[in-house]
């Protein structure tokens, strides 16, 4: 019984780590400054 609970917790932890890595990757791409990765371009933004 305890082995099953431990394996379930390990699987949930593994999924959480993968989700955090994907989220971090998306945030890193968003910070890169390139507008190539954005869905909608900022048309009203002024260029200085």
Protein backbone atom coordinates (compact mmCIF):
# COMPACT_ATOMS: atom_id res chain seq x y z
CA UNK A 1 0.00 0.00 0.00
CA UNK A 2 2.77 2.42 0.93
CA UNK A 3 4.66 1.55 -2.27
CA UNK A 4 1.65 2.53 -4.35
CA UNK A 5 1.28 5.85 -2.52
CA UNK A 6 5.00 6.54 -2.91
CA UNK A 7 4.89 5.77 -6.62
CA UNK A 8 1.82 7.98 -7.05
CA UNK A 9 3.54 10.87 -5.27
CA UNK A 10 6.66 10.34 -7.37
CA UNK A 11 4.60 10.44 -10.57
CA UNK A 12 2.80 13.62 -9.48
CA UNK A 13 6.14 15.22 -8.56
CA UNK A 14 7.61 14.24 -11.93
CA UNK A 15 4.65 15.77 -13.78
CA UNK A 16 4.96 18.96 -11.69
CA UNK A 17 8.67 19.25 -12.51
CA UNK A 18 8.00 18.81 -16.23
CA UNK A 19 5.19 21.41 -16.12
CA UNK A 20 7.46 23.88 -14.31
CA UNK A 21 10.20 23.34 -16.89
CA UNK A 22 7.79 23.98 -19.75
CA UNK A 23 6.47 27.12 -18.03
CA UNK A 24 10.01 28.38 -17.49
CA UNK A 25 10.85 27.73 -21.14
CA UNK A 26 7.82 29.71 -22.32
CA UNK A 27 8.69 32.59 -19.97
CA UNK A 28 12.28 32.58 -21.26
CA UNK A 29 11.07 32.78 -24.86
CA UNK A 30 8.73 35.63 -23.92
CA UNK A 31 11.63 37.57 -22.35
CA UNK A 32 13.88 37.21 -25.38
CA UNK A 33 12.53 40.47 -26.82
CA UNK A 34 11.78 39.08 -30.25
CA UNK A 35 8.25 39.65 -31.47
CA UNK A 36 8.53 36.59 -33.72
CA UNK A 37 7.18 34.39 -30.94
CA UNK A 38 4.13 36.48 -30.09
CA UNK A 39 0.69 35.56 -31.35
CA UNK A 40 -0.49 39.15 -31.73
CA UNK A 41 1.86 41.93 -32.75
CA UNK A 42 1.81 45.14 -30.77
CA UNK A 43 0.64 47.53 -33.49
CA UNK A 44 0.05 50.46 -31.16
CA UNK A 45 3.52 50.34 -29.60
CA UNK A 46 5.71 53.27 -30.60
CA UNK A 47 9.28 52.74 -31.70
CA UNK A 48 11.83 55.09 -30.19
